[in-house]
Amino acid sequence: MPSGVRSANRLEPRSRSLGLGLNGAASVVGSILAMTVSMNFGFTASLLIGIVIYLLGMVALPAQTEATLPSAEASLPIPAI
């Protein structure tokens, strides 16, 4: 969560509150889905689905931030001579 907030803040500072709201909604829906999957298919299935979702998020975040964030060199100030 902290890495996602930092990345979103760098991309578009005004999107932070939207991201926090979506995180809250996803937390509620995710807990209900995790309970439902655990009751119907078992706790192991719920854990495996969670692991897959987190791995997908880890793969998607670096690809998204590298493609859209300006390089560090572009943001360095030019010294006056």
Foldseek 3Di string as FASTA:
>chain_A
DVVVLVLVCQQPVVCNVVVVVVVVVCVVVLVVVLVVCCVPPNNVVSVVVVVVVVVVVVVPVVVVSVVRGDDPVVPDDDDDD
